[in-house]
């Protein structure tokens, strides 16, 4: 009789311990998968072509919109002619956007700005993404800095960001 009791206790102990571990792992995964954006550090990530170095999101003093400023470094070999810049924050697409300089070679810093129809609140966290529409030319030395790129090499460079309103 004691052999069967010991076997039952071991069975309950082992399976109870396994269920406790599985429950703990699931609880940790659930907690960390639903973290608020305030836990994540502000920053931006680029996907190919450009490297994001800094981002700022602040109210625009001349309109009711807010402006997102993104500073990028061109990692693309060759010449990139930027035609437009679009940013989306909290599912609100920018009404206007541009980058300067619009013509860039590898290593150049580009400053992009977009007006988003959303009022930025100081301290609030915003998530979004951006797209740079450009025309790409072959790497130097094949082309000179003054060479005009063909218009059929259209590309887009994208990235995402988390920024705090300032």
Foldseek 3Di string as FASTA:
>chain_A
DVVVVVVVVVVCVVVVVVVVVVVVVVVVVVDVVPDDPVVPDWDKQWDPQKGWDDKAWECDPVDQWIKIKTKIAGQDAAKKQWDAKWKAKPNFIFPGKDKPPRIDHHGDIIIMMTTTRDHADAFDKIKIKMKTKIAGDDGPPVDDSPDDGDPPRIDMIMMITMYGYD
